[in-house]
Amino acid sequence: MVDAAGVAPGPLSAVVLDALAAPADPDLDRALGAGAAQRLRAELRAVARRWVAAIAPGRAYEATSPATALLALGDGAGPVVLVAPDIPSLGPEHRAAVVGDLAAGVGIVVGSAHDARPYLVAFAERDPELVELAGSGFQTLMEAGAARGLALSMIRHERRLAGPGDARALALDPLAPARIIQQLGFLRPPG
């Protein structure tokens, strides 16, 4: 694929971006126990790490904020994918959707979680201003994309695993990833 000037874009880069995650919920620690909640968060981060490594081999990073993501990405050109570390169901279908949309010329790809905040944002080009806006929400991203004349697409909605309600819902999901379910252990009843 080449741009309008006939220049091939740089390679795709991907970042696990903490700023896209839901705020830490202390009720999850109370529901699961502090150790189990910590192991669960570590496994969720591992899911995101494996996902970025698969979509961007050799160009996968982790960052706490958009500013640190930009530092990790450096000055190169090319598409960038940012993903939250609290989505248990990231998988090949998400990679295929992102890569397909970017290859089709979409400028911004967004996946929203059940809290209406993005869990995944991909940009066809590494635009520092857009990367800074990644966690700002769908409306802000849509307005910024429209101002730049970029096509926007949405990939499927996903549930975060941030609080005890999310953990209980996931525990009932027959399609939930086994490695995450193992971390849920005994879910204490609320209250």
Protein backbone atom coordinates (compact mmCIF):
# COMPACT_ATOMS: atom_id res chain seq x y z
CA MET A 1 0.00 0.00 0.00
CA VAL A 2 1.26 3.51 -0.84
CA ASP A 3 -0.06 6.92 0.09
CA ALA A 4 -1.24 9.63 -2.33
CA ALA A 5 2.37 10.72 -2.89
CA GLY A 6 3.38 7.15 -3.78
CA VAL A 7 5.29 6.61 -0.53
CA ALA A 8 4.99 3.32 1.32
CA PRO A 9 4.09 3.79 5.00
CA GLY A 10 6.45 2.68 7.74
CA PRO A 11 5.88 -0.55 9.63
CA LEU A 12 2.99 -0.87 12.07
CA SER A 13 3.83 -0.27 15.74
CA ALA A 14 1.69 -1.21 18.73
CA VAL A 15 1.59 -0.02 22.34
CA VAL A 16 -0.09 -1.39 25.46
CA LEU A 17 -1.28 1.95 26.84
CA ASP A 18 -2.25 2.14 30.50
CA ALA A 19 -4.09 5.43 29.86
CA LEU A 20 -6.73 3.48 27.88
CA ALA A 21 -7.51 1.22 30.87
CA ALA A 22 -10.30 1.79 33.35
CA PRO A 23 -9.22 3.23 36.71
CA ALA A 24 -8.15 0.57 39.21
CA ASP A 25 -11.16 -0.61 41.20
CA PRO A 26 -10.29 -1.46 44.83
CA ASP A 27 -13.51 -3.51 45.02
CA LEU A 28 -11.88 -6.06 42.71
CA ASP A 29 -9.18 -6.60 45.35
CA ARG A 30 -11.85 -7.07 48.03
CA ALA A 31 -13.87 -9.48 45.87
CA LEU A 32 -10.95 -11.66 44.78
CA GLY A 33 -8.37 -10.99 47.46
CA ALA A 34 -5.40 -8.71 46.86
CA GLY A 35 -3.07 -11.44 45.61
CA ALA A 36 -5.60 -12.93 43.20
CA ALA A 37 -6.53 -9.48 41.87
CA GLN A 38 -2.85 -8.70 41.30
CA ARG A 39 -2.38 -12.02 39.43
CA LEU A 40 -5.50 -11.29 37.38
CA ARG A 41 -4.21 -7.83 36.39
CA ALA A 42 -0.85 -9.36 35.47
CA GLU A 43 -2.55 -11.95 33.24
CA LEU A 44 -4.67 -9.23 31.58
CA ARG A 45 -1.49 -7.27 30.85
CA ALA A 46 0.08 -10.45 29.45
CA VAL A 47 -2.90 -10.83 27.09
CA ALA A 48 -2.30 -7.28 25.82
CA ARG A 49 1.46 -7.84 25.54
CA ARG A 50 0.97 -10.98 23.47
CA TRP A 51 -1.54 -9.16 21.30
CA VAL A 52 0.74 -6.21 20.49
CA ALA A 53 3.67 -8.57 19.89
CA ALA A 54 1.54 -10.50 17.38
CA ILE A 55 0.27 -7.45 15.49
CA ALA A 56 3.62 -5.61 15.50
CA PRO A 57 6.51 -8.08 15.83
CA GLY A 58 9.63 -6.25 16.93
CA ARG A 59 7.70 -2.98 17.27
CA ALA A 60 5.58 -3.64 20.39
CA TYR A 61 5.88 -1.34 23.39
CA GLU A 62 4.26 -0.47 26.72
CA ALA A 63 3.52 3.02 28.02
CA THR A 64 1.64 4.64 30.85
CA SER A 65 0.53 7.77 28.99
CA PRO A 66 0.17 9.02 25.42
CA ALA A 67 3.32 11.10 25.94
CA THR A 68 5.37 8.05 26.93
CA ALA A 69 3.83 6.11 24.03
CA LEU A 70 5.11 8.78 21.66
CA LEU A 71 8.58 8.50 23.20
CA ALA A 72 8.53 4.73 22.70
CA LEU A 73 7.34 5.09 19.10
CA GLY A 74 10.04 7.59 18.20
CA ASP A 75 10.01 9.74 15.09
CA GLY A 76 9.27 7.07 12.48
CA ALA A 77 6.28 7.01 10.19
CA GLY A 78 3.61 4.37 9.83
CA PRO A 79 0.47 3.13 11.49
CA VAL A 80 0.19 2.78 15.25
CA VAL A 81 -2.18 0.72 17.39
CA LEU A 82 -2.84 1.53 21.05
CA VAL A 83 -4.56 -1.03 23.27
CA ALA A 84 -5.71 -1.12 26.89
CA PRO A 85 -4.29 -3.70 29.33
CA ASP A 86 -7.68 -4.69 30.76
CA ILE A 87 -9.47 -6.43 27.87
CA PRO A 88 -9.52 -10.21 28.40
CA SER A 89 -10.78 -11.17 24.95
CA LEU A 90 -8.21 -9.52 22.66
CA GLY A 91 -7.50 -11.96 19.88
CA PRO A 92 -6.83 -12.65 16.23
CA GLU A 93 -10.19 -11.24 15.13
CA HIS A 94 -9.22 -7.85 16.54
CA ARG A 95 -5.88 -7.98 14.71
CA ALA A 96 -7.62 -8.91 11.47
CA ALA A 97 -10.14 -6.07 11.84
CA VAL A 98 -7.48 -3.45 12.58
CA VAL A 99 -5.09 -4.57 9.84
CA GLY A 100 -7.94 -4.89 7.33
CA ASP A 101 -9.34 -1.45 8.08
CA LEU A 102 -5.92 0.20 7.92
CA ALA A 103 -5.14 -1.58 4.63
CA ALA A 104 -8.48 -0.35 3.26
CA GLY A 105 -7.44 3.26 3.91
CA VAL A 106 -9.27 3.92 7.17
CA GLY A 107 -7.52 6.69 9.12
CA ILE A 108 -8.76 5.89 12.63
CA VAL A 109 -9.99 2.55 13.98
CA VAL A 110 -11.70 2.52 17.38
CA GLY A 111 -12.89 -0.29 19.62
CA SER A 112 -15.07 0.86 22.52
CA ALA A 113 -15.57 -0.94 25.79
CA HIS A 114 -18.78 -1.27 27.80
CA ASP A 115 -17.86 1.93 29.66
CA ALA A 116 -17.99 3.86 26.32
CA ARG A 117 -14.25 4.54 26.46
CA PRO A 118 -11.88 3.21 23.79
CA TYR A 119 -9.99 0.03 24.55
CA LEU A 120 -8.26 0.09 21.17
CA VAL A 121 -7.34 2.98 18.90
CA ALA A 122 -5.39 2.63 15.66
CA PHE A 123 -4.14 5.41 13.43
CA ALA A 124 -3.04 5.00 9.82
CA GLU A 125 -0.23 7.47 10.50
CA ARG A 126 1.72 8.33 13.62
CA ASP A 127 0.17 11.70 14.39
CA PRO A 128 1.31 12.96 17.83
CA GLU A 129 -1.82 15.07 18.31
CA LEU A 130 -4.09 12.09 17.62
CA VAL A 131 -2.06 9.80 19.89
CA GLU A 132 -2.48 12.38 22.68
CA LEU A 133 -6.27 12.26 22.12
CA ALA A 134 -6.48 8.44 22.14
CA GLY A 135 -8.05 8.16 25.59
CA SER A 136 -10.32 11.17 25.18
CA GLY A 137 -13.31 9.20 23.96
CA PHE A 138 -15.05 8.39 20.74
CA GLN A 139 -16.58 11.83 20.17
CA THR A 140 -13.23 13.62 20.47
CA LEU A 141 -11.53 11.12 18.17
CA MET A 142 -14.36 11.44 15.65
CA GLU A 143 -14.10 15.23 15.63
CA ALA A 144 -10.31 15.15 15.28
CA GLY A 145 -10.54 12.63 12.45
CA ALA A 146 -13.21 14.64 10.67
CA ALA A 147 -11.09 17.80 10.97
CA ARG A 148 -8.28 15.91 9.21
CA GLY A 149 -10.59 14.32 6.62
CA LEU A 150 -9.91 10.79 7.91
CA ALA A 151 -12.26 7.85 7.54
CA LEU A 152 -13.21 6.29 10.88
CA SER A 153 -14.25 2.72 11.61
CA MET A 154 -15.39 0.92 14.73
CA ILE A 155 -14.53 -2.63 15.60
CA ARG A 156 -16.57 -4.78 17.94
CA HIS A 157 -17.43 -3.73 21.45
CA GLU A 158 -15.65 -5.53 24.32
CA ARG A 159 -15.99 -5.72 28.07
CA ARG A 160 -13.19 -4.58 30.32
CA LEU A 161 -12.25 -6.55 33.39
CA ALA A 162 -11.85 -3.76 35.91
CA GLY A 163 -14.23 -4.41 38.79
CA PRO A 164 -15.95 -7.28 40.57
CA GLY A 165 -19.06 -6.99 38.38
CA ASP A 166 -16.88 -7.45 35.31
CA ALA A 167 -15.23 -10.48 36.92
CA ARG A 168 -18.62 -12.04 37.76
CA ALA A 169 -19.89 -11.44 34.22
CA LEU A 170 -16.74 -12.97 32.76
CA ALA A 171 -16.96 -15.97 35.09
CA LEU A 172 -20.37 -16.75 33.55
CA ASP A 173 -19.18 -16.34 29.96
CA PRO A 174 -18.62 -19.76 28.34
CA LEU A 175 -16.32 -18.12 25.75
CA ALA A 176 -14.09 -16.38 28.31
CA PRO A 177 -10.38 -17.10 27.99
CA ALA A 178 -9.38 -20.02 30.24
CA ARG A 179 -6.20 -18.30 31.46
CA ILE A 180 -8.28 -15.40 32.76
CA ILE A 181 -10.96 -17.63 34.31
CA GLN A 182 -8.20 -19.48 36.22
CA GLN A 183 -7.25 -16.18 37.84
CA LEU A 184 -10.78 -15.44 39.04
CA GLY A 185 -10.72 -18.23 41.61
CA PHE A 186 -13.49 -18.00 44.14
CA LEU A 187 -15.59 -14.90 43.58
CA ARG A 188 -16.82 -13.70 46.92
CA PRO A 189 -20.45 -12.57 46.87
CA PRO A 190 -20.96 -8.80 46.98
CA GLY A 191 -21.65 -7.09 50.29
